[in-house]
Amino acid sequence: MIGETQMQQLLIPISDEAPSGPPLYAGNLRLYHQHLPDRHLQYDDVASLGFAPFVEKPRPVSSDPFFEYVEQAPVEQDADKAWVQNWVRTPVSFGNESDREPLLRAHLLDGLADLRWQRETGGITLPDGTPVRTDRHTQSQLTAAVVQVQAGVLSEVRWKLDTGFVTLSGPEITAIATAVTGHVAACFAAEETVAAQIAAAATVEDLRAIDIQAAFDAALTNAQ
């Protein structure tokens, strides 16, 4: 019997002995080629079909994400003829010494904005343990629902949480919207606090000493 691991193995289309398209799951190929063996597929199993095994290495976590890019490297073929996607670490270049300070400051502010967006839209957990999404679409839906409740159009709302569908009363949907709005406001307040720290840094050394993630986390805790 074919297991989930075999179905989710990645394969990549090959043309002229080189990758020619995005990878796909082996399960898709097995639907049309049921003669394939019930195991992890090797190069010889799929080469005649125009495919080869594909291995995507996990993206490494940068130890210094604001001063180092982690980028995809060109795919390479290993000893088993599988194509492997690796990653490379590239230090951030800030140009000449005279240009370094403003470029570094702008780089930190861009990274800070991205971090705030990730935290803002990453969801929250209510005091009762219920997870709630906080992406921009959910924020808009909650605002619209509260407006309808406050206008007397709705007395309750049918809603979908990660735990399933629920019926929420007017006060309940308003409480959720209030929690989400408070979370979003705290994220922006934290960004403002750290942005001020970046603005106050006078030298390149001062800028490099700022730990954006730690500073943001501390500011967010204070803002909540």
N, C-alpha and C. Protein backbone atom coordinates (compact mmCIF):
# COMPACT_ATOMS: atom_id res chain seq x y z
N MET A 1 0.84 -1.19 0.00
CA MET A 1 0.00 0.00 0.00
C MET A 1 0.88 1.25 0.00
N ILE A 2 0.52 2.22 -0.82
CA ILE A 2 1.30 3.44 -0.93
C ILE A 2 0.97 4.35 0.25
N GLY A 3 2.00 4.78 0.96
CA GLY A 3 1.80 5.65 2.11
C GLY A 3 1.83 7.11 1.74
N GLU A 4 1.52 7.95 2.73
CA GLU A 4 1.48 9.39 2.50
C GLU A 4 2.84 9.93 2.09
N THR A 5 3.92 9.34 2.67
CA THR A 5 5.26 9.80 2.34
C THR A 5 5.57 9.59 0.87
N GLN A 6 5.15 8.44 0.33
CA GLN A 6 5.38 8.16 -1.09
C GLN A 6 4.55 9.08 -1.98
N MET A 7 3.33 9.40 -1.54
CA MET A 7 2.47 10.27 -2.33
C MET A 7 3.00 11.71 -2.35
N GLN A 8 3.64 12.13 -1.26
CA GLN A 8 4.09 13.51 -1.15
C GLN A 8 5.55 13.71 -1.55
N GLN A 9 6.18 12.64 -2.02
CA GLN A 9 7.53 12.79 -2.55
C GLN A 9 7.50 13.78 -3.71
N LEU A 10 8.51 14.61 -3.82
CA LEU A 10 8.57 15.60 -4.89
C LEU A 10 9.33 15.07 -6.10
N LEU A 11 8.77 15.38 -7.27
CA LEU A 11 9.42 15.07 -8.55
C LEU A 11 9.50 16.36 -9.35
N ILE A 12 10.45 16.41 -10.28
CA ILE A 12 10.59 17.61 -11.11
C ILE A 12 10.68 17.20 -12.58
N PRO A 13 9.97 17.91 -13.46
CA PRO A 13 10.04 17.57 -14.89
C PRO A 13 11.42 17.88 -15.45
N ILE A 14 11.88 17.02 -16.35
CA ILE A 14 13.22 17.14 -16.93
C ILE A 14 13.13 17.22 -18.45
N SER A 15 13.92 18.12 -19.01
CA SER A 15 14.04 18.24 -20.45
C SER A 15 15.49 18.53 -20.78
N ASP A 16 16.06 17.79 -21.73
CA ASP A 16 17.47 17.96 -22.08
C ASP A 16 18.37 17.83 -20.86
N GLU A 17 18.02 16.88 -19.99
CA GLU A 17 18.80 16.55 -18.81
C GLU A 17 18.90 17.70 -17.80
N ALA A 18 17.90 18.56 -17.81
CA ALA A 18 17.87 19.67 -16.86
C ALA A 18 16.43 19.93 -16.44
N PRO A 19 16.19 20.46 -15.22
CA PRO A 19 14.83 20.78 -14.79
C PRO A 19 14.16 21.74 -15.76
N SER A 20 12.89 21.48 -16.04
CA SER A 20 12.17 22.30 -17.03
C SER A 20 10.86 22.86 -16.49
N GLY A 21 10.60 22.71 -15.21
CA GLY A 21 9.36 23.21 -14.64
C GLY A 21 9.35 23.07 -13.14
N PRO A 22 8.28 23.52 -12.50
CA PRO A 22 8.20 23.43 -11.04
C PRO A 22 7.99 21.99 -10.58
N PRO A 23 8.40 21.65 -9.36
CA PRO A 23 8.19 20.30 -8.84
C PRO A 23 6.72 20.01 -8.59
N LEU A 24 6.39 18.72 -8.55
CA LEU A 24 5.03 18.28 -8.22
C LEU A 24 5.11 17.06 -7.34
N TYR A 25 3.98 16.74 -6.71
CA TYR A 25 3.95 15.57 -5.83
C TYR A 25 3.88 14.29 -6.66
N ALA A 26 4.56 13.25 -6.17
CA ALA A 26 4.55 11.98 -6.86
C ALA A 26 3.14 11.41 -6.95
N GLY A 27 2.28 11.75 -5.98
CA GLY A 27 0.91 11.25 -6.01
C GLY A 27 0.18 11.66 -7.27
N ASN A 28 0.48 12.86 -7.80
CA ASN A 28 -0.16 13.30 -9.04
C ASN A 28 0.26 12.42 -10.21
N LEU A 29 1.54 12.05 -10.24
CA LEU A 29 2.03 11.21 -11.34
C LEU A 29 1.51 9.78 -11.20
N ARG A 30 1.37 9.30 -9.97
CA ARG A 30 0.89 7.94 -9.76
C ARG A 30 -0.55 7.75 -10.22
N LEU A 31 -1.33 8.83 -10.26
CA LEU A 31 -2.71 8.72 -10.73
C LEU A 31 -2.78 8.24 -12.17
N TYR A 32 -1.77 8.61 -12.95
CA TYR A 32 -1.77 8.29 -14.37
C TYR A 32 -0.79 7.17 -14.73
N HIS A 33 0.04 6.81 -13.77
CA HIS A 33 1.04 5.76 -14.02
C HIS A 33 1.03 4.80 -12.84
N GLN A 34 0.03 3.97 -12.78
CA GLN A 34 -0.18 3.11 -11.61
C GLN A 34 0.81 1.94 -11.55
N HIS A 35 1.64 1.82 -12.58
CA HIS A 35 2.65 0.77 -12.56
C HIS A 35 3.87 1.13 -11.72
N LEU A 36 3.94 2.38 -11.27
CA LEU A 36 5.10 2.81 -10.49
C LEU A 36 5.18 2.02 -9.18
N PRO A 37 6.37 1.68 -8.75
CA PRO A 37 6.53 0.84 -7.54
C PRO A 37 6.03 1.53 -6.28
N ASP A 38 5.58 0.71 -5.33
CA ASP A 38 5.02 1.21 -4.07
C ASP A 38 6.14 1.50 -3.07
N ARG A 39 6.97 2.45 -3.41
CA ARG A 39 8.09 2.85 -2.55
C ARG A 39 8.55 4.24 -2.98
N HIS A 40 9.56 4.73 -2.28
CA HIS A 40 10.15 6.02 -2.65
C HIS A 40 10.75 5.89 -4.04
N LEU A 41 10.33 6.75 -4.96
CA LEU A 41 10.74 6.60 -6.35
C LEU A 41 12.18 7.04 -6.56
N GLN A 42 12.88 6.28 -7.42
CA GLN A 42 14.25 6.60 -7.78
C GLN A 42 14.29 7.17 -9.19
N TYR A 43 15.45 7.62 -9.62
CA TYR A 43 15.60 8.22 -10.95
C TYR A 43 15.16 7.26 -12.04
N ASP A 44 15.59 6.01 -11.96
CA ASP A 44 15.27 5.04 -13.01
C ASP A 44 13.78 4.72 -13.08
N ASP A 45 13.05 4.98 -12.01
CA ASP A 45 11.61 4.71 -12.00
C ASP A 45 10.83 5.72 -12.84
N VAL A 46 11.33 6.95 -12.91
CA VAL A 46 10.54 8.03 -13.53
C VAL A 46 11.24 8.74 -14.68
N ALA A 47 12.50 8.38 -14.97
CA ALA A 47 13.25 9.07 -16.02
C ALA A 47 12.56 8.93 -17.38
N SER A 48 12.02 7.76 -17.66
CA SER A 48 11.37 7.55 -18.96
C SER A 48 10.09 8.35 -19.10
N LEU A 49 9.56 8.83 -17.98
CA LEU A 49 8.35 9.66 -18.00
C LEU A 49 8.69 11.15 -18.05
N GLY A 50 9.98 11.45 -18.08
CA GLY A 50 10.38 12.85 -18.13
C GLY A 50 10.48 13.53 -16.78
N PHE A 51 10.73 12.73 -15.73
CA PHE A 51 10.82 13.29 -14.38
C PHE A 51 12.06 12.76 -13.67
N ALA A 52 12.41 13.42 -12.58
CA ALA A 52 13.48 12.99 -11.70
C ALA A 52 13.10 13.34 -10.28
N PRO A 53 13.61 12.60 -9.29
CA PRO A 53 13.34 12.97 -7.90
C PRO A 53 13.86 14.38 -7.60
N PHE A 54 13.15 15.07 -6.71
CA PHE A 54 13.52 16.43 -6.33
C PHE A 54 13.55 16.52 -4.81
N VAL A 55 14.62 17.10 -4.28
CA VAL A 55 14.78 17.25 -2.84
C VAL A 55 14.92 18.73 -2.53
N GLU A 56 14.01 19.24 -1.72
CA GLU A 56 14.07 20.65 -1.32
C GLU A 56 14.56 20.72 0.12
N LYS A 57 15.79 21.16 0.30
CA LYS A 57 16.35 21.26 1.64
C LYS A 57 15.61 22.35 2.42
N PRO A 58 15.43 22.17 3.73
CA PRO A 58 14.76 23.19 4.53
C PRO A 58 15.51 24.51 4.48
N ARG A 59 14.76 25.60 4.40
CA ARG A 59 15.39 26.92 4.41
C ARG A 59 16.06 27.15 5.76
N PRO A 60 17.35 27.41 5.80
CA PRO A 60 18.02 27.63 7.08
C PRO A 60 17.57 28.93 7.73
N VAL A 61 17.59 28.95 9.03
CA VAL A 61 17.26 30.16 9.78
C VAL A 61 18.51 31.01 9.91
N SER A 62 18.42 32.25 9.46
CA SER A 62 19.57 33.13 9.54
C SER A 62 19.83 33.52 10.99
N SER A 63 21.09 33.49 11.37
CA SER A 63 21.44 33.92 12.73
C SER A 63 21.42 35.43 12.85
N ASP A 64 21.40 36.12 11.72
CA ASP A 64 21.40 37.59 11.71
C ASP A 64 20.54 38.05 10.54
N PRO A 65 19.19 37.87 10.62
CA PRO A 65 18.33 38.05 9.47
C PRO A 65 18.31 39.45 8.88
N PHE A 66 18.75 40.45 9.62
CA PHE A 66 18.73 41.80 9.08
C PHE A 66 20.07 42.20 8.45
N PHE A 67 21.05 41.30 8.50
CA PHE A 67 22.33 41.58 7.88
C PHE A 67 22.78 40.43 6.98
N GLU A 68 21.86 39.55 6.67
CA GLU A 68 22.20 38.40 5.84
C GLU A 68 20.96 37.93 5.10
N TYR A 69 21.10 37.75 3.79
CA TYR A 69 20.02 37.18 3.00
C TYR A 69 20.21 35.67 2.91
N VAL A 70 19.10 34.94 3.00
CA VAL A 70 19.12 33.50 2.72
C VAL A 70 18.35 33.30 1.44
N GLU A 71 19.04 32.86 0.38
CA GLU A 71 18.44 32.77 -0.94
C GLU A 71 18.58 31.37 -1.51
N GLN A 72 17.68 31.04 -2.44
CA GLN A 72 17.77 29.75 -3.11
C GLN A 72 19.00 29.71 -4.00
N ALA A 73 19.70 28.59 -3.95
CA ALA A 73 20.83 28.37 -4.86
C ALA A 73 20.33 27.61 -6.09
N PRO A 74 21.06 27.64 -7.19
CA PRO A 74 20.67 26.83 -8.35
C PRO A 74 20.60 25.35 -7.97
N VAL A 75 19.62 24.65 -8.54
CA VAL A 75 19.48 23.23 -8.23
C VAL A 75 20.68 22.46 -8.80
N GLU A 76 21.07 21.43 -8.09
CA GLU A 76 22.18 20.59 -8.52
C GLU A 76 21.78 19.13 -8.42
N GLN A 77 22.38 18.30 -9.26
CA GLN A 77 22.07 16.88 -9.27
C GLN A 77 23.04 16.13 -8.37
N ASP A 78 22.50 15.26 -7.50
CA ASP A 78 23.37 14.52 -6.60
C ASP A 78 23.80 13.19 -7.21
N ALA A 79 24.48 12.39 -6.42
CA ALA A 79 25.02 11.12 -6.92
C ALA A 79 23.94 10.14 -7.35
N ASP A 80 22.72 10.30 -6.78
CA ASP A 80 21.61 9.41 -7.14
C ASP A 80 20.75 9.98 -8.26
N LYS A 81 21.22 11.06 -8.90
CA LYS A 81 20.55 11.72 -10.01
C LYS A 81 19.27 12.45 -9.59
N ALA A 82 19.13 12.67 -8.31
CA ALA A 82 18.03 13.52 -7.83
C ALA A 82 18.50 14.97 -7.89
N TRP A 83 17.55 15.87 -8.19
CA TRP A 83 17.87 17.29 -8.22
C TRP A 83 17.61 17.88 -6.85
N VAL A 84 18.56 18.64 -6.34
CA VAL A 84 18.52 19.13 -4.96
C VAL A 84 18.50 20.65 -4.96
N GLN A 85 17.55 21.22 -4.20
CA GLN A 85 17.48 22.67 -4.02
C GLN A 85 18.17 23.04 -2.73
N ASN A 86 19.29 23.73 -2.82
CA ASN A 86 20.01 24.18 -1.64
C ASN A 86 19.80 25.67 -1.43
N TRP A 87 20.42 26.19 -0.38
CA TRP A 87 20.30 27.60 -0.02
C TRP A 87 21.69 28.19 0.18
N VAL A 88 21.81 29.48 -0.06
CA VAL A 88 23.07 30.17 0.18
C VAL A 88 22.81 31.38 1.08
N ARG A 89 23.79 31.69 1.89
CA ARG A 89 23.73 32.87 2.76
C ARG A 89 24.57 33.98 2.13
N THR A 90 23.96 35.13 1.94
CA THR A 90 24.65 36.26 1.32
C THR A 90 24.63 37.45 2.28
N PRO A 91 25.80 37.93 2.70
CA PRO A 91 25.82 39.10 3.57
C PRO A 91 25.21 40.32 2.87
N VAL A 92 24.50 41.13 3.63
CA VAL A 92 23.93 42.36 3.09
C VAL A 92 25.06 43.35 2.83
N SER A 93 25.08 43.91 1.64
CA SER A 93 26.11 44.90 1.29
C SER A 93 25.51 46.29 1.38
N PHE A 94 26.21 47.17 2.06
CA PHE A 94 25.72 48.53 2.26
C PHE A 94 26.58 49.56 1.51
N GLY A 95 27.31 49.11 0.51
CA GLY A 95 28.04 50.04 -0.34
C GLY A 95 29.24 50.66 0.35
N ASN A 96 29.61 51.86 -0.07
CA ASN A 96 30.77 52.56 0.47
C ASN A 96 30.53 52.98 1.92
N GLU A 97 31.61 53.25 2.62
CA GLU A 97 31.52 53.63 4.03
C GLU A 97 30.62 54.85 4.22
N SER A 98 30.72 55.82 3.29
CA SER A 98 29.92 57.04 3.42
C SER A 98 28.44 56.78 3.21
N ASP A 99 28.12 55.70 2.48
CA ASP A 99 26.72 55.39 2.21
C ASP A 99 26.14 54.41 3.24
N ARG A 100 26.99 53.85 4.06
CA ARG A 100 26.58 52.71 4.89
C ARG A 100 25.49 53.08 5.90
N GLU A 101 25.65 54.20 6.57
CA GLU A 101 24.70 54.54 7.63
C GLU A 101 23.27 54.71 7.12
N PRO A 102 22.99 55.54 6.11
CA PRO A 102 21.60 55.67 5.65
C PRO A 102 21.04 54.40 5.04
N LEU A 103 21.89 53.63 4.34
CA LEU A 103 21.41 52.38 3.75
C LEU A 103 21.07 51.37 4.83
N LEU A 104 21.92 51.29 5.84
CA LEU A 104 21.67 50.37 6.95
C LEU A 104 20.41 50.78 7.70
N ARG A 105 20.24 52.07 7.91
CA ARG A 105 19.05 52.55 8.62
C ARG A 105 17.78 52.19 7.83
N ALA A 106 17.82 52.41 6.52
CA ALA A 106 16.66 52.07 5.67
C ALA A 106 16.41 50.57 5.67
N HIS A 107 17.49 49.79 5.66
CA HIS A 107 17.36 48.34 5.68
C HIS A 107 16.70 47.86 6.97
N LEU A 108 17.11 48.43 8.08
CA LEU A 108 16.52 48.06 9.37
C LEU A 108 15.04 48.44 9.43
N LEU A 109 14.70 49.60 8.91
CA LEU A 109 13.30 50.03 8.92
C LEU A 109 12.45 49.13 8.03
N ASP A 110 12.99 48.70 6.89
CA ASP A 110 12.26 47.76 6.03
C ASP A 110 12.05 46.42 6.75
N GLY A 111 13.10 45.95 7.40
CA GLY A 111 12.98 44.70 8.14
C GLY A 111 12.00 44.81 9.29
N LEU A 112 12.00 45.96 9.95
CA LEU A 112 11.07 46.20 11.05
C LEU A 112 9.63 46.19 10.56
N ALA A 113 9.37 46.83 9.43
CA ALA A 113 8.01 46.86 8.87
C ALA A 113 7.55 45.45 8.51
N ASP A 114 8.46 44.66 7.96
CA ASP A 114 8.11 43.28 7.61
C ASP A 114 7.81 42.46 8.86
N LEU A 115 8.60 42.65 9.90
CA LEU A 115 8.38 41.95 11.15
C LEU A 115 7.04 42.34 11.76
N ARG A 116 6.74 43.65 11.76
CA ARG A 116 5.44 44.09 12.28
C ARG A 116 4.30 43.46 11.51
N TRP A 117 4.41 43.40 10.18
CA TRP A 117 3.34 42.80 9.37
C TRP A 117 3.17 41.32 9.70
N GLN A 118 4.27 40.59 9.88
CA GLN A 118 4.18 39.18 10.24
C GLN A 118 3.46 38.99 11.57
N ARG A 119 3.81 39.81 12.56
CA ARG A 119 3.17 39.68 13.88
C ARG A 119 1.72 40.16 13.81
N GLU A 120 1.49 41.25 13.09
CA GLU A 120 0.14 41.80 12.97
C GLU A 120 -0.82 40.77 12.39
N THR A 121 -0.42 40.09 11.35
CA THR A 121 -1.31 39.18 10.62
C THR A 121 -1.15 37.72 11.04
N GLY A 122 -0.34 37.49 12.07
CA GLY A 122 -0.04 36.11 12.46
C GLY A 122 -1.06 35.45 13.38
N GLY A 123 -2.09 36.20 13.79
CA GLY A 123 -3.13 35.62 14.64
C GLY A 123 -2.89 35.88 16.12
N ILE A 124 -3.97 35.71 16.90
CA ILE A 124 -3.90 35.85 18.35
C ILE A 124 -4.66 34.70 18.99
N THR A 125 -4.48 34.55 20.27
CA THR A 125 -5.23 33.57 21.05
C THR A 125 -6.03 34.32 22.11
N LEU A 126 -7.34 34.12 22.14
CA LEU A 126 -8.19 34.80 23.11
C LEU A 126 -7.95 34.23 24.51
N PRO A 127 -8.36 34.93 25.55
CA PRO A 127 -8.15 34.45 26.92
C PRO A 127 -8.70 33.05 27.17
N ASP A 128 -9.76 32.66 26.43
CA ASP A 128 -10.32 31.32 26.63
C ASP A 128 -9.61 30.25 25.81
N GLY A 129 -8.53 30.64 25.12
CA GLY A 129 -7.75 29.68 24.34
C GLY A 129 -8.15 29.58 22.88
N THR A 130 -9.15 30.34 22.45
CA THR A 130 -9.61 30.27 21.07
C THR A 130 -8.65 31.02 20.15
N PRO A 131 -8.13 30.35 19.10
CA PRO A 131 -7.26 31.06 18.15
C PRO A 131 -8.09 31.89 17.17
N VAL A 132 -7.64 33.08 16.88
CA VAL A 132 -8.35 33.97 15.96
C VAL A 132 -7.36 34.51 14.94
N ARG A 133 -7.73 34.47 13.69
CA ARG A 133 -6.87 35.01 12.64
C ARG A 133 -6.90 36.53 12.67
N THR A 134 -5.78 37.13 12.26
CA THR A 134 -5.71 38.60 12.26
C THR A 134 -5.19 39.12 10.92
N ASP A 135 -5.30 38.33 9.86
CA ASP A 135 -4.89 38.81 8.55
C ASP A 135 -5.79 39.97 8.13
N ARG A 136 -5.37 40.68 7.10
CA ARG A 136 -6.09 41.89 6.70
C ARG A 136 -7.54 41.58 6.28
N HIS A 137 -7.76 40.44 5.63
CA HIS A 137 -9.12 40.08 5.21
C HIS A 137 -10.01 39.86 6.43
N THR A 138 -9.50 39.15 7.43
CA THR A 138 -10.28 38.91 8.65
C THR A 138 -10.55 40.21 9.39
N GLN A 139 -9.56 41.10 9.41
CA GLN A 139 -9.77 42.40 10.05
C GLN A 139 -10.96 43.14 9.40
N SER A 140 -11.01 43.11 8.07
CA SER A 140 -12.10 43.80 7.35
C SER A 140 -13.44 43.13 7.63
N GLN A 141 -13.46 41.80 7.65
CA GLN A 141 -14.70 41.08 7.92
C GLN A 141 -15.23 41.38 9.32
N LEU A 142 -14.34 41.43 10.30
CA LEU A 142 -14.76 41.74 11.66
C LEU A 142 -15.33 43.15 11.75
N THR A 143 -14.68 44.10 11.09
CA THR A 143 -15.18 45.47 11.10
C THR A 143 -16.59 45.54 10.51
N ALA A 144 -16.78 44.84 9.38
CA ALA A 144 -18.10 44.85 8.74
C ALA A 144 -19.15 44.20 9.63
N ALA A 145 -18.79 43.11 10.31
CA ALA A 145 -19.75 42.43 11.18
C ALA A 145 -20.15 43.32 12.35
N VAL A 146 -19.19 44.00 12.95
CA VAL A 146 -19.49 44.88 14.09
C VAL A 146 -20.38 46.04 13.65
N VAL A 147 -20.12 46.59 12.48
CA VAL A 147 -20.95 47.68 11.96
C VAL A 147 -22.40 47.22 11.82
N GLN A 148 -22.60 46.00 11.30
CA GLN A 148 -23.94 45.46 11.13
C GLN A 148 -24.63 45.22 12.48
N VAL A 149 -23.86 44.77 13.46
CA VAL A 149 -24.42 44.55 14.80
C VAL A 149 -24.82 45.88 15.43
N GLN A 150 -23.92 46.86 15.34
CA GLN A 150 -24.19 48.16 15.95
C GLN A 150 -25.35 48.89 15.27
N ALA A 151 -25.56 48.59 13.98
CA ALA A 151 -26.67 49.22 13.26
C ALA A 151 -27.99 48.51 13.51
N GLY A 152 -27.95 47.40 14.24
CA GLY A 152 -29.16 46.65 14.53
C GLY A 152 -29.60 45.75 13.40
N VAL A 153 -28.78 45.59 12.37
CA VAL A 153 -29.12 44.71 11.25
C VAL A 153 -28.99 43.25 11.66
N LEU A 154 -27.98 42.95 12.48
CA LEU A 154 -27.73 41.58 12.94
C LEU A 154 -27.71 41.55 14.46
N SER A 155 -28.25 40.47 15.01
CA SER A 155 -28.15 40.27 16.46
C SER A 155 -27.14 39.18 16.79
N GLU A 156 -26.82 38.36 15.79
CA GLU A 156 -25.80 37.33 15.94
C GLU A 156 -25.16 37.09 14.58
N VAL A 157 -24.00 36.47 14.60
CA VAL A 157 -23.23 36.26 13.38
C VAL A 157 -22.76 34.82 13.31
N ARG A 158 -22.94 34.22 12.16
CA ARG A 158 -22.38 32.89 11.93
C ARG A 158 -20.94 33.09 11.47
N TRP A 159 -19.98 32.49 12.20
CA TRP A 159 -18.57 32.77 11.96
C TRP A 159 -17.77 31.48 11.87
N LYS A 160 -16.65 31.55 11.19
CA LYS A 160 -15.77 30.40 11.10
C LYS A 160 -14.45 30.70 11.78
N LEU A 161 -14.15 29.95 12.85
CA LEU A 161 -12.87 30.01 13.52
C LEU A 161 -12.03 28.82 13.07
N ASP A 162 -10.78 28.78 13.46
CA ASP A 162 -9.94 27.63 13.12
C ASP A 162 -10.47 26.34 13.74
N THR A 163 -11.24 26.48 14.80
CA THR A 163 -11.81 25.31 15.47
C THR A 163 -13.14 24.87 14.86
N GLY A 164 -13.66 25.64 13.90
CA GLY A 164 -14.92 25.27 13.25
C GLY A 164 -15.91 26.42 13.22
N PHE A 165 -17.13 26.13 12.75
CA PHE A 165 -18.18 27.15 12.64
C PHE A 165 -18.85 27.36 14.00
N VAL A 166 -19.14 28.62 14.29
CA VAL A 166 -19.79 28.98 15.56
C VAL A 166 -20.79 30.09 15.29
N THR A 167 -21.77 30.20 16.18
CA THR A 167 -22.69 31.33 16.15
C THR A 167 -22.30 32.27 17.27
N LEU A 168 -22.02 33.52 16.92
CA LEU A 168 -21.55 34.50 17.90
C LEU A 168 -22.62 35.56 18.10
N SER A 169 -22.84 35.89 19.34
CA SER A 169 -23.76 37.00 19.64
C SER A 169 -23.09 38.33 19.28
N GLY A 170 -23.91 39.39 19.29
CA GLY A 170 -23.35 40.70 19.02
C GLY A 170 -22.20 41.05 19.95
N PRO A 171 -22.37 40.90 21.26
CA PRO A 171 -21.26 41.20 22.17
C PRO A 171 -20.04 40.31 21.95
N GLU A 172 -20.27 39.05 21.57
CA GLU A 172 -19.13 38.15 21.35
C GLU A 172 -18.31 38.55 20.13
N ILE A 173 -18.97 38.86 19.01
CA ILE A 173 -18.22 39.26 17.81
C ILE A 173 -17.54 40.61 18.04
N THR A 174 -18.20 41.47 18.82
CA THR A 174 -17.60 42.77 19.15
C THR A 174 -16.36 42.59 20.01
N ALA A 175 -16.41 41.64 20.94
CA ALA A 175 -15.26 41.39 21.81
C ALA A 175 -14.08 40.85 21.00
N ILE A 176 -14.37 39.97 20.03
CA ILE A 176 -13.30 39.44 19.18
C ILE A 176 -12.70 40.56 18.35
N ALA A 177 -13.56 41.39 17.76
CA ALA A 177 -13.07 42.50 16.94
C ALA A 177 -12.23 43.46 17.78
N THR A 178 -12.66 43.69 19.01
CA THR A 178 -11.91 44.58 19.89
C THR A 178 -10.53 44.01 20.20
N ALA A 179 -10.47 42.70 20.43
CA ALA A 179 -9.18 42.05 20.71
C ALA A 179 -8.25 42.13 19.51
N VAL A 180 -8.81 41.92 18.31
CA VAL A 180 -8.00 41.98 17.10
C VAL A 180 -7.52 43.41 16.86
N THR A 181 -8.42 44.36 17.02
CA THR A 181 -8.04 45.76 16.84
C THR A 181 -6.96 46.17 17.83
N GLY A 182 -7.07 45.72 19.08
CA GLY A 182 -6.05 46.03 20.08
C GLY A 182 -4.71 45.41 19.72
N HIS A 183 -4.75 44.18 19.20
CA HIS A 183 -3.51 43.52 18.77
C HIS A 183 -2.84 44.29 17.64
N VAL A 184 -3.62 44.67 16.64
CA VAL A 184 -3.08 45.40 15.49
C VAL A 184 -2.49 46.74 15.95
N ALA A 185 -3.22 47.45 16.80
CA ALA A 185 -2.74 48.74 17.30
C ALA A 185 -1.44 48.57 18.07
N ALA A 186 -1.34 47.51 18.87
CA ALA A 186 -0.13 47.26 19.65
C ALA A 186 1.06 46.97 18.73
N CYS A 187 0.81 46.25 17.63
CA CYS A 187 1.88 45.96 16.68
C CYS A 187 2.42 47.23 16.05
N PHE A 188 1.52 48.14 15.67
CA PHE A 188 1.98 49.40 15.09
C PHE A 188 2.68 50.27 16.14
N ALA A 189 2.19 50.23 17.37
CA ALA A 189 2.84 50.99 18.43
C ALA A 189 4.25 50.47 18.68
N ALA A 190 4.41 49.14 18.64
CA ALA A 190 5.73 48.54 18.82
C ALA A 190 6.66 48.94 17.68
N GLU A 191 6.13 48.93 16.46
CA GLU A 191 6.95 49.35 15.32
C GLU A 191 7.40 50.80 15.49
N GLU A 192 6.50 51.66 15.94
CA GLU A 192 6.84 53.07 16.14
C GLU A 192 7.94 53.22 17.18
N THR A 193 7.86 52.44 18.25
CA THR A 193 8.86 52.52 19.31
C THR A 193 10.24 52.13 18.79
N VAL A 194 10.31 51.02 18.07
CA VAL A 194 11.60 50.55 17.56
C VAL A 194 12.12 51.46 16.46
N ALA A 195 11.21 51.99 15.64
CA ALA A 195 11.62 52.94 14.60
C ALA A 195 12.29 54.16 15.23
N ALA A 196 11.80 54.59 16.39
CA ALA A 196 12.41 55.71 17.10
C ALA A 196 13.80 55.35 17.58
N GLN A 197 13.99 54.11 18.01
CA GLN A 197 15.31 53.66 18.42
C GLN A 197 16.28 53.67 17.25
N ILE A 198 15.79 53.26 16.09
CA ILE A 198 16.63 53.26 14.89
C ILE A 198 16.99 54.70 14.51
N ALA A 199 16.02 55.58 14.59
CA ALA A 199 16.27 56.99 14.25
C ALA A 199 17.27 57.63 15.21
N ALA A 200 17.27 57.18 16.46
CA ALA A 200 18.15 57.78 17.46
C ALA A 200 19.58 57.25 17.39
N ALA A 201 19.77 56.10 16.71
CA ALA A 201 21.12 55.54 16.59
C ALA A 201 21.98 56.46 15.74
N ALA A 202 23.16 56.85 16.26
CA ALA A 202 23.97 57.87 15.60
C ALA A 202 25.00 57.30 14.64
N THR A 203 25.44 56.06 14.86
CA THR A 203 26.52 55.50 14.06
C THR A 203 26.13 54.13 13.52
N VAL A 204 26.96 53.63 12.60
CA VAL A 204 26.75 52.29 12.07
C VAL A 204 26.82 51.27 13.20
N GLU A 205 27.76 51.46 14.11
CA GLU A 205 27.90 50.53 15.23
C GLU A 205 26.64 50.54 16.10
N ASP A 206 26.07 51.72 16.31
CA ASP A 206 24.84 51.82 17.10
C ASP A 206 23.70 51.08 16.39
N LEU A 207 23.64 51.24 15.07
CA LEU A 207 22.57 50.58 14.30
C LEU A 207 22.72 49.07 14.35
N ARG A 208 23.94 48.60 14.19
CA ARG A 208 24.16 47.15 14.21
C ARG A 208 23.89 46.55 15.59
N ALA A 209 23.97 47.37 16.61
CA ALA A 209 23.73 46.87 17.97
C ALA A 209 22.26 46.67 18.27
N ILE A 210 21.38 47.19 17.41
CA ILE A 210 19.94 47.06 17.65
C ILE A 210 19.47 45.68 17.23
N ASP A 211 18.95 44.93 18.15
CA ASP A 211 18.34 43.62 17.86
C ASP A 211 16.87 43.87 17.57
N ILE A 212 16.53 43.92 16.28
CA ILE A 212 15.18 44.30 15.87
C ILE A 212 14.11 43.40 16.48
N GLN A 213 14.33 42.09 16.41
CA GLN A 213 13.31 41.16 16.91
C GLN A 213 13.13 41.29 18.41
N ALA A 214 14.23 41.36 19.16
CA ALA A 214 14.13 41.49 20.61
C ALA A 214 13.50 42.82 20.99
N ALA A 215 13.90 43.90 20.29
CA ALA A 215 13.34 45.21 20.59
C ALA A 215 11.85 45.26 20.29
N PHE A 216 11.46 44.65 19.18
CA PHE A 216 10.04 44.65 18.82
C PHE A 216 9.23 43.84 19.84
N ASP A 217 9.73 42.67 20.22
CA ASP A 217 9.02 41.84 21.18
C ASP A 217 8.81 42.58 22.50
N ALA A 218 9.85 43.28 22.96
CA ALA A 218 9.75 44.03 24.22
C ALA A 218 8.74 45.16 24.08
N ALA A 219 8.80 45.87 22.95
CA ALA A 219 7.87 46.99 22.74
C ALA A 219 6.44 46.49 22.61
N LEU A 220 6.27 45.34 21.98
CA LEU A 220 4.91 44.79 21.81
C LEU A 220 4.33 44.38 23.16
N THR A 221 5.16 43.79 24.01
CA THR A 221 4.70 43.41 25.35
C THR A 221 4.24 44.66 26.14
N ASN A 222 5.01 45.72 26.02
CA ASN A 222 4.66 46.95 26.73
C ASN A 222 3.41 47.60 26.17
N ALA A 223 3.16 47.40 24.87
CA ALA A 223 2.01 48.05 24.23
C ALA A 223 0.71 47.31 24.44
N GLN A 224 0.78 46.06 24.87
CA GLN A 224 -0.43 45.25 25.01
C GLN A 224 -1.11 45.47 26.34
